[in-house]
Amino acid sequence: MTPRLLTTGLVFAPMLAGLVAPAAAHPHVWIAAREELLFDLQGEIAAIRHIWTFDEMYSAFAVQGLGKDGQPPTREELAPLAKTNVESLAEFQYFTAAKTGPHYHEFGEPRDYGLEADANKIVTLRFTLPLKTPVSPKKPFTFMVYDPTYFVDIELEKHDPVILKDAPAGCSMTTIKPEPLTASDQGKLSESYLSGLAPGQDFGVKLATRTLVACP
């Protein structure tokens, strides 16, 4: 990452720095996520569309120096940042894990990505993450969105957190909250705030909500 990119508000630059250098307090960035599971004409799961809204402080960092006359930046102004952000996430599997039974699915190149800022300059990143091979939902399909290091706290929106788009009739969807942290894990998390060190490898999965989808 170049200093110029950092000063123009690259959304994921400091986040990625925290991922590769674990001496960063956790979390530093908060995301309210809404997910859309996209089905193809054959009734198979073809992609996951992410809609991630960043916290106020981080949004302010992202848009600094952009926009005119105090107005939020346009999608066109944010387009170069969107491209860099999505490309940077590839190294971290786009914070997305999907599986059927014990088998994890692979993703293709993201598409339809873009950043936008609302009237309050709150930034939202949208991108579609296709599965390399569409998946039949006749066996339960599970996916999670999380940062393994917990540098970024990703929580699903409270209302309509996951939407099934063009799903076959009879499909069901359930979100499963994580189990409460054990006393040991809670201690590790507390220590991470005090020490500035990561709470542990793949700690974020312990705080991730699972979404389970099944169709007849």
Protein backbone atom coordinates (compact mmCIF):
# COMPACT_ATOMS: atom_id res chain seq x y z
CA MET A 1 0.00 0.00 0.00
CA THR A 2 1.40 3.39 -0.89
CA PRO A 3 1.19 6.47 1.34
CA ARG A 4 -0.83 8.22 -1.37
CA LEU A 5 -3.50 5.54 -1.26
CA LEU A 6 -3.62 5.73 2.51
CA THR A 7 -4.16 9.49 2.49
CA THR A 8 -6.96 9.28 -0.07
CA GLY A 9 -9.00 7.08 2.24
CA LEU A 10 -8.34 3.48 1.22
CA VAL A 11 -10.96 1.65 3.21
CA PHE A 12 -9.07 -1.57 3.91
CA ALA A 13 -5.46 -0.32 4.08
CA PRO A 14 -5.11 -0.04 7.88
CA MET A 15 -7.33 -3.07 8.33
CA LEU A 16 -5.04 -5.22 6.22
CA ALA A 17 -2.03 -3.84 8.04
CA GLY A 18 -3.59 -5.16 11.23
CA LEU A 19 -4.10 -8.56 9.68
CA VAL A 20 -0.49 -9.01 8.66
CA ALA A 21 0.88 -7.40 11.81
CA PRO A 22 -0.92 -8.86 14.85
CA ALA A 23 0.26 -6.15 17.25
CA ALA A 24 -2.96 -4.19 16.75
CA ALA A 25 -5.76 -3.89 19.26
CA HIS A 26 -9.02 -5.61 18.32
CA PRO A 27 -11.41 -4.67 16.92
CA HIS A 28 -10.61 -1.41 15.13
CA VAL A 29 -13.31 -1.40 12.48
CA TRP A 30 -17.02 -2.20 12.80
CA ILE A 31 -19.22 -3.36 9.93
CA ALA A 32 -22.99 -3.82 9.84
CA ALA A 33 -23.52 -6.47 7.17
CA ARG A 34 -26.46 -7.45 5.02
CA GLU A 35 -26.08 -10.51 2.80
CA GLU A 36 -27.95 -11.66 -0.30
CA LEU A 37 -27.76 -15.27 -1.40
CA LEU A 38 -28.21 -15.35 -5.18
CA PHE A 39 -29.77 -18.37 -6.91
CA ASP A 40 -29.41 -19.17 -10.62
CA LEU A 41 -32.08 -20.37 -13.06
CA GLN A 42 -31.37 -23.99 -12.07
CA GLY A 43 -32.22 -23.21 -8.45
CA GLU A 44 -28.62 -23.52 -7.29
CA ILE A 45 -26.71 -21.09 -5.09
CA ALA A 46 -24.52 -19.10 -7.45
CA ALA A 47 -23.16 -16.17 -5.42
CA ILE A 48 -23.18 -14.17 -2.21
CA ARG A 49 -23.74 -10.44 -2.48
CA HIS A 50 -22.17 -8.48 0.38
CA ILE A 51 -23.50 -5.13 1.56
CA TRP A 52 -21.20 -3.82 4.28
CA THR A 53 -21.76 -0.50 6.04
CA PHE A 54 -18.82 0.88 7.99
CA ASP A 55 -18.83 2.69 11.32
CA GLU A 56 -18.88 6.47 11.47
CA MET A 57 -15.24 6.94 12.41
CA TYR A 58 -13.91 4.67 9.72
CA SER A 59 -16.26 6.15 7.11
CA ALA A 60 -14.85 9.59 7.90
CA PHE A 61 -11.35 8.26 7.26
CA ALA A 62 -12.44 6.64 4.01
CA VAL A 63 -13.91 9.80 2.44
CA GLN A 64 -11.38 12.34 3.64
CA GLY A 65 -10.20 14.54 0.79
CA LEU A 66 -13.04 13.39 -1.46
CA GLY A 67 -16.27 15.12 -2.44
CA LYS A 68 -16.87 18.76 -3.34
CA ASP A 69 -18.28 21.67 -1.35
CA GLY A 70 -18.85 19.49 1.68
CA GLN A 71 -20.92 16.96 -0.25
CA PRO A 72 -20.36 13.19 0.00
CA PRO A 73 -18.14 11.74 -2.73
CA THR A 74 -19.85 10.13 -5.70
CA ARG A 75 -19.63 6.46 -6.66
CA GLU A 76 -17.41 7.54 -9.54
CA GLU A 77 -14.98 9.27 -7.16
CA LEU A 78 -14.93 6.21 -4.93
CA ALA A 79 -14.60 3.71 -7.81
CA PRO A 80 -10.76 3.44 -7.68
CA LEU A 81 -10.93 2.79 -3.94
CA ALA A 82 -13.62 0.16 -4.40
CA LYS A 83 -11.45 -1.68 -6.90
CA THR A 84 -8.40 -1.65 -4.65
CA ASN A 85 -10.41 -2.64 -1.59
CA VAL A 86 -11.99 -5.68 -3.22
CA GLU A 87 -8.68 -6.79 -4.74
CA SER A 88 -6.99 -6.46 -1.33
CA LEU A 89 -9.60 -8.69 0.29
CA ALA A 90 -8.71 -11.61 -2.00
CA GLU A 91 -5.77 -12.50 0.24
CA PHE A 92 -8.21 -13.02 3.11
CA GLN A 93 -10.87 -15.00 1.20
CA TYR A 94 -13.12 -11.92 1.29
CA PHE A 95 -13.89 -12.63 4.97
CA THR A 96 -16.32 -15.28 3.68
CA ALA A 97 -16.53 -19.01 4.37
CA ALA A 98 -19.17 -21.26 2.80
CA LYS A 99 -19.58 -25.01 3.06
CA THR A 100 -21.86 -28.01 2.57
CA GLY A 101 -21.22 -30.51 5.33
CA PRO A 102 -17.45 -30.55 5.91
CA HIS A 103 -16.67 -29.40 2.35
CA TYR A 104 -15.70 -25.74 1.91
CA HIS A 105 -16.60 -24.04 -1.37
CA GLU A 106 -14.25 -21.86 -3.42
CA PHE A 107 -15.09 -18.42 -4.78
CA GLY A 108 -14.38 -16.79 -8.13
CA GLU A 109 -13.42 -13.21 -8.88
CA PRO A 110 -15.75 -10.62 -7.30
CA ARG A 111 -17.94 -8.53 -9.58
CA ASP A 112 -20.40 -5.62 -9.44
CA TYR A 113 -18.37 -3.91 -6.72
CA GLY A 114 -18.68 -0.33 -5.63
CA LEU A 115 -18.41 2.07 -2.72
CA GLU A 116 -21.02 4.68 -1.92
CA ALA A 117 -21.41 7.34 0.74
CA ASP A 118 -24.80 8.45 2.02
CA ALA A 119 -25.84 11.98 2.95
CA ASN A 120 -24.10 11.57 6.33
CA LYS A 121 -20.93 10.30 4.58
CA ILE A 122 -21.36 6.79 5.97
CA VAL A 123 -19.64 4.41 3.57
CA THR A 124 -21.07 1.15 2.25
CA LEU A 125 -19.17 -1.42 0.20
CA ARG A 126 -21.14 -3.71 -2.11
CA PHE A 127 -19.76 -6.61 -4.10
CA THR A 128 -20.92 -9.94 -5.49
CA LEU A 129 -18.81 -12.99 -4.73
CA PRO A 130 -19.61 -15.88 -7.12
CA LEU A 131 -19.05 -19.50 -6.21
CA LYS A 132 -16.65 -21.18 -8.62
CA THR A 133 -19.21 -23.95 -8.97
CA PRO A 134 -22.91 -23.34 -8.17
CA VAL A 135 -24.11 -25.38 -5.22
CA SER A 136 -27.31 -27.36 -4.83
CA PRO A 137 -29.19 -26.24 -1.71
CA LYS A 138 -30.85 -29.63 -1.28
CA LYS A 139 -28.15 -30.33 1.27
CA PRO A 140 -27.85 -27.66 3.98
CA PHE A 141 -25.57 -24.82 2.87
CA THR A 142 -23.83 -22.78 5.56
CA PHE A 143 -21.92 -19.53 5.26
CA MET A 144 -20.25 -17.10 7.65
CA VAL A 145 -18.79 -13.62 7.23
CA TYR A 146 -16.01 -12.76 9.67
CA ASP A 147 -12.44 -11.52 10.09
CA PRO A 148 -10.36 -14.40 11.53
CA THR A 149 -8.19 -12.02 13.55
CA TYR A 150 -11.14 -10.01 14.86
CA PHE A 151 -9.47 -6.79 13.78
CA VAL A 152 -12.79 -6.10 12.06
CA ASP A 153 -16.03 -6.78 13.92
CA ILE A 154 -18.64 -7.86 11.34
CA GLU A 155 -22.20 -8.20 12.63
CA LEU A 156 -25.31 -8.95 10.61
CA GLU A 157 -28.00 -6.29 10.54
CA LYS A 158 -30.83 -6.87 13.01
CA HIS A 159 -33.58 -6.64 10.39
CA ASP A 160 -33.50 -8.76 7.22
CA PRO A 161 -29.81 -9.64 7.62
CA VAL A 162 -29.91 -12.31 4.89
CA ILE A 163 -32.12 -12.31 1.80
CA LEU A 164 -32.63 -15.24 -0.57
CA LYS A 165 -32.84 -13.91 -4.14
CA ASP A 166 -34.74 -15.99 -6.71
CA ALA A 167 -34.72 -19.01 -4.43
CA PRO A 168 -36.87 -22.06 -5.31
CA ALA A 169 -40.16 -22.43 -3.47
CA GLY A 170 -39.90 -23.95 -0.04
CA CYS A 171 -36.37 -22.81 0.80
CA SER A 172 -35.70 -21.94 4.41
CA MET A 173 -33.05 -19.80 6.04
CA THR A 174 -31.88 -19.63 9.65
CA THR A 175 -29.23 -17.45 11.29
CA ILE A 176 -27.45 -19.06 14.22
CA LYS A 177 -25.80 -16.83 16.80
CA PRO A 178 -22.41 -17.93 18.16
CA GLU A 179 -22.15 -19.61 21.52
CA PRO A 180 -21.10 -17.33 24.38
CA LEU A 181 -17.34 -17.18 24.78
CA THR A 182 -15.83 -19.47 27.37
CA ALA A 183 -14.15 -17.88 30.36
CA SER A 184 -10.79 -18.71 28.76
CA ASP A 185 -11.69 -17.04 25.45
CA GLN A 186 -13.21 -14.05 27.21
CA GLY A 187 -9.93 -13.70 29.07
CA LYS A 188 -7.98 -13.79 25.81
CA LEU A 189 -10.22 -11.09 24.35
CA SER A 190 -9.81 -8.90 27.40
CA GLU A 191 -6.04 -9.37 27.27
CA SER A 192 -6.01 -8.36 23.60
CA TYR A 193 -7.53 -4.98 24.47
CA LEU A 194 -4.90 -4.40 27.13
CA SER A 195 -1.87 -5.77 25.26
CA GLY A 196 -2.73 -4.76 21.70
CA LEU A 197 -2.08 -8.34 20.56
CA ALA A 198 -4.44 -10.54 18.56
CA PRO A 199 -6.64 -12.73 20.79
CA GLY A 200 -5.62 -15.84 18.83
CA GLN A 201 -5.46 -17.42 15.40
CA ASP A 202 -8.92 -17.62 13.78
CA PHE A 203 -10.47 -16.16 16.92
CA GLY A 204 -13.08 -14.31 14.85
CA VAL A 205 -14.91 -17.52 13.93
CA LYS A 206 -15.93 -17.90 17.57
CA LEU A 207 -17.91 -14.66 17.30
CA ALA A 208 -19.36 -15.25 13.82
CA THR A 209 -23.04 -15.76 13.07
CA ARG A 210 -23.78 -18.75 10.83
CA THR A 211 -26.45 -18.68 8.15
CA LEU A 212 -27.98 -22.04 7.25
CA VAL A 213 -29.97 -22.46 4.01
CA ALA A 214 -31.82 -25.55 2.83
CA CYS A 215 -34.29 -26.22 0.00
CA PRO A 216 -36.57 -29.21 -0.67
